Amino acid sequence: MPSISLNILVKEHAATLTDILNHDQLLAVANNGTLSHIQPTAFIEQCAEWMRRKHGQTYAILHDGRPIGTISLSSGGLPKRHGRVGYWLASDYWNRGYGTAAFHELMKVAQSEGFKQIETIFAAEASPASIAIWKKKGATFLEHPDGQRAVINL
């Protein structure tokens, strides 16, 4: 597995992460079809607001100290000790094990914080590579109005 680390998202990560969001064509297509046009300050503010609303934490995925994406864990609106996971990664790092490594590290964080279950919702057009990460970690897949709900018991 590639060497990555997760660090709590801070403003020093914002310039690199917004550069990815604003210029990575493949990531844009995978997300919603259009590039972002977000400034670093606005990105940090939006993340902080999301973390407050969702009772969550966003981490920068670092490779050699450089941010290459984010991964988050939130508990808002879920049963106690259950968490929802979301992530994105610069397309230069797709299909090379970086997403799996980040997911593995986030599972350790979730366990250390007392979570008993993590989940995500995959839309119909979800990335097969992302679904494969959840399958590797033993997820159960259930039908959901928005696509599929993947659940892992920790």
Protein backbone atom coordinates (compact mmCIF):
# COMPACT_ATOMS: atom_id res chain seq x y z
CA MET A 1 0.00 0.00 0.00
CA PRO A 2 1.30 3.50 -0.77
CA SER A 3 2.53 5.61 2.10
CA ILE A 4 -0.03 8.24 3.09
CA SER A 5 -1.05 10.01 6.25
CA LEU A 6 -4.24 11.69 7.37
CA ASN A 7 -4.02 15.10 8.99
CA ILE A 8 -6.89 17.20 10.28
CA LEU A 9 -7.69 19.68 7.52
CA VAL A 10 -6.10 23.08 8.15
CA LYS A 11 -5.85 26.27 6.09
CA GLU A 12 -2.29 25.35 4.98
CA HIS A 13 -3.79 22.49 2.93
CA ALA A 14 -6.37 24.69 1.20
CA ALA A 15 -4.30 26.15 -1.66
CA THR A 16 -3.17 22.74 -2.92
CA LEU A 17 -6.59 21.14 -2.48
CA THR A 18 -8.45 23.97 -4.23
CA ASP A 19 -5.91 23.85 -7.06
CA ILE A 20 -6.86 20.18 -7.53
CA LEU A 21 -10.60 20.93 -7.36
CA ASN A 22 -10.28 23.85 -9.76
CA HIS A 23 -8.10 22.12 -12.39
CA ASP A 24 -8.46 18.30 -12.23
CA GLN A 25 -10.71 17.57 -15.24
CA LEU A 26 -11.11 13.84 -14.49
CA LEU A 27 -12.08 14.51 -10.88
CA ALA A 28 -14.63 17.08 -12.05
CA VAL A 29 -16.20 14.59 -14.45
CA ALA A 30 -16.36 11.96 -11.71
CA ASN A 31 -18.04 14.38 -9.29
CA ASN A 32 -20.58 16.39 -11.23
CA GLY A 33 -19.14 17.21 -14.61
CA THR A 34 -17.84 20.71 -13.96
CA LEU A 35 -14.70 22.13 -12.44
CA SER A 36 -14.90 24.01 -9.16
CA HIS A 37 -14.09 27.69 -8.96
CA ILE A 38 -13.36 27.93 -5.27
CA GLN A 39 -10.85 30.02 -3.38
CA PRO A 40 -8.82 28.51 -0.50
CA THR A 41 -10.51 30.65 2.17
CA ALA A 42 -14.00 29.73 0.95
CA PHE A 43 -13.00 26.05 0.81
CA ILE A 44 -11.88 26.06 4.46
CA GLU A 45 -15.01 27.96 5.51
CA GLN A 46 -17.28 25.51 3.65
CA CYS A 47 -15.49 22.53 5.20
CA ALA A 48 -15.78 24.06 8.68
CA GLU A 49 -19.51 24.66 8.20
CA TRP A 50 -20.01 21.11 6.91
CA MET A 51 -18.10 19.68 9.90
CA ARG A 52 -20.26 21.71 12.29
CA ARG A 53 -23.55 20.69 10.65
CA LYS A 54 -22.64 17.02 10.20
CA HIS A 55 -20.74 16.55 13.47
CA GLY A 56 -17.77 15.47 11.42
CA GLN A 57 -14.08 15.82 10.80
CA THR A 58 -12.34 16.26 7.47
CA TYR A 59 -8.77 15.06 6.99
CA ALA A 60 -6.31 15.96 4.27
CA ILE A 61 -4.86 12.87 2.61
CA LEU A 62 -1.13 13.54 2.45
CA HIS A 63 1.43 11.81 0.26
CA ASP A 64 5.01 12.86 0.99
CA GLY A 65 3.54 15.74 3.01
CA ARG A 66 1.51 17.07 0.05
CA PRO A 67 -2.31 17.08 0.10
CA ILE A 68 -3.79 14.86 -2.63
CA GLY A 69 -7.42 14.74 -1.48
CA THR A 70 -9.69 14.64 1.54
CA ILE A 71 -11.53 12.02 3.54
CA SER A 72 -14.15 12.70 6.17
CA LEU A 73 -16.04 10.96 8.93
CA SER A 74 -19.31 12.34 10.25
CA SER A 75 -22.01 11.19 12.62
CA GLY A 76 -24.79 13.77 12.21
CA GLY A 77 -28.20 12.17 11.75
CA LEU A 78 -26.95 8.63 12.33
CA PRO A 79 -27.42 6.27 15.28
CA LYS A 80 -24.87 6.53 18.10
CA ARG A 81 -21.42 5.15 17.22
CA HIS A 82 -22.24 5.09 13.49
CA GLY A 83 -20.34 7.21 10.99
CA ARG A 84 -20.59 8.25 7.36
CA VAL A 85 -17.48 8.38 5.17
CA GLY A 86 -16.84 10.57 2.15
CA TYR A 87 -13.65 11.19 0.17
CA TRP A 88 -12.12 12.46 -3.02
CA LEU A 89 -8.65 12.08 -4.47
CA ALA A 90 -6.73 13.84 -7.25
CA SER A 91 -7.02 11.77 -10.43
CA ASP A 92 -3.21 11.41 -10.67
CA TYR A 93 -3.51 9.05 -7.66
CA TRP A 94 -6.45 6.95 -8.83
CA ASN A 95 -6.10 3.18 -9.22
CA ARG A 96 -2.73 3.14 -7.45
CA GLY A 97 -3.81 2.18 -3.91
CA TYR A 98 -3.93 5.69 -2.40
CA GLY A 99 -7.69 5.62 -1.85
CA THR A 100 -7.48 2.20 -0.22
CA ALA A 101 -4.63 3.38 2.02
CA ALA A 102 -6.57 6.49 3.09
CA PHE A 103 -9.69 4.44 3.73
CA HIS A 104 -7.68 1.97 5.83
CA GLU A 105 -6.30 4.83 7.93
CA LEU A 106 -9.76 6.34 8.39
CA MET A 107 -11.10 2.98 9.57
CA LYS A 108 -8.41 3.01 12.28
CA VAL A 109 -9.45 6.54 13.29
CA ALA A 110 -13.11 5.50 13.44
CA GLN A 111 -12.29 2.47 15.61
CA SER A 112 -10.14 4.54 17.95
CA GLU A 113 -13.00 7.02 18.37
CA GLY A 114 -15.44 4.23 19.31
CA PHE A 115 -17.40 3.95 16.07
CA LYS A 116 -19.03 0.55 15.59
CA GLN A 117 -20.14 1.02 12.00
CA ILE A 118 -19.29 3.20 9.01
CA GLU A 119 -21.29 3.72 5.85
CA THR A 120 -21.58 5.65 2.63
CA ILE A 121 -24.17 6.09 -0.08
CA PHE A 122 -23.10 5.34 -3.64
CA ALA A 123 -25.04 6.99 -6.47
CA ALA A 124 -25.80 4.89 -9.53
CA GLU A 125 -22.84 6.42 -11.41
CA ALA A 126 -20.35 5.80 -8.55
CA SER A 127 -16.76 4.97 -9.31
CA PRO A 128 -16.16 1.21 -9.58
CA ALA A 129 -12.78 1.76 -7.87
CA SER A 130 -14.45 3.40 -4.89
CA ILE A 131 -16.97 0.59 -4.60
CA ALA A 132 -14.08 -1.90 -4.80
CA ILE A 133 -12.44 -0.27 -1.75
CA TRP A 134 -15.57 -0.88 0.32
CA LYS A 135 -15.85 -4.46 -0.99
CA LYS A 136 -12.21 -5.16 -0.03
CA LYS A 137 -12.99 -4.05 3.51
CA GLY A 138 -16.02 -6.36 3.77
CA ALA A 139 -18.90 -3.95 3.18
CA THR A 140 -22.48 -5.10 2.93
CA PHE A 141 -24.40 -3.36 0.15
CA LEU A 142 -28.07 -2.47 0.58
CA GLU A 143 -30.56 -0.77 -1.72
CA HIS A 144 -31.05 2.93 -1.00
CA PRO A 145 -33.30 5.53 -2.70
CA ASP A 146 -30.17 7.37 -3.91
CA GLY A 147 -28.31 4.24 -5.11
CA GLN A 148 -26.57 1.78 -2.81
CA ARG A 149 -25.72 2.04 0.87
CA ALA A 150 -22.43 0.37 1.82
CA VAL A 151 -22.00 -0.59 5.50
CA ILE A 152 -18.96 -1.91 7.37
CA ASN A 153 -19.13 -3.16 10.95
CA LEU A 154 -15.94 -2.25 12.79
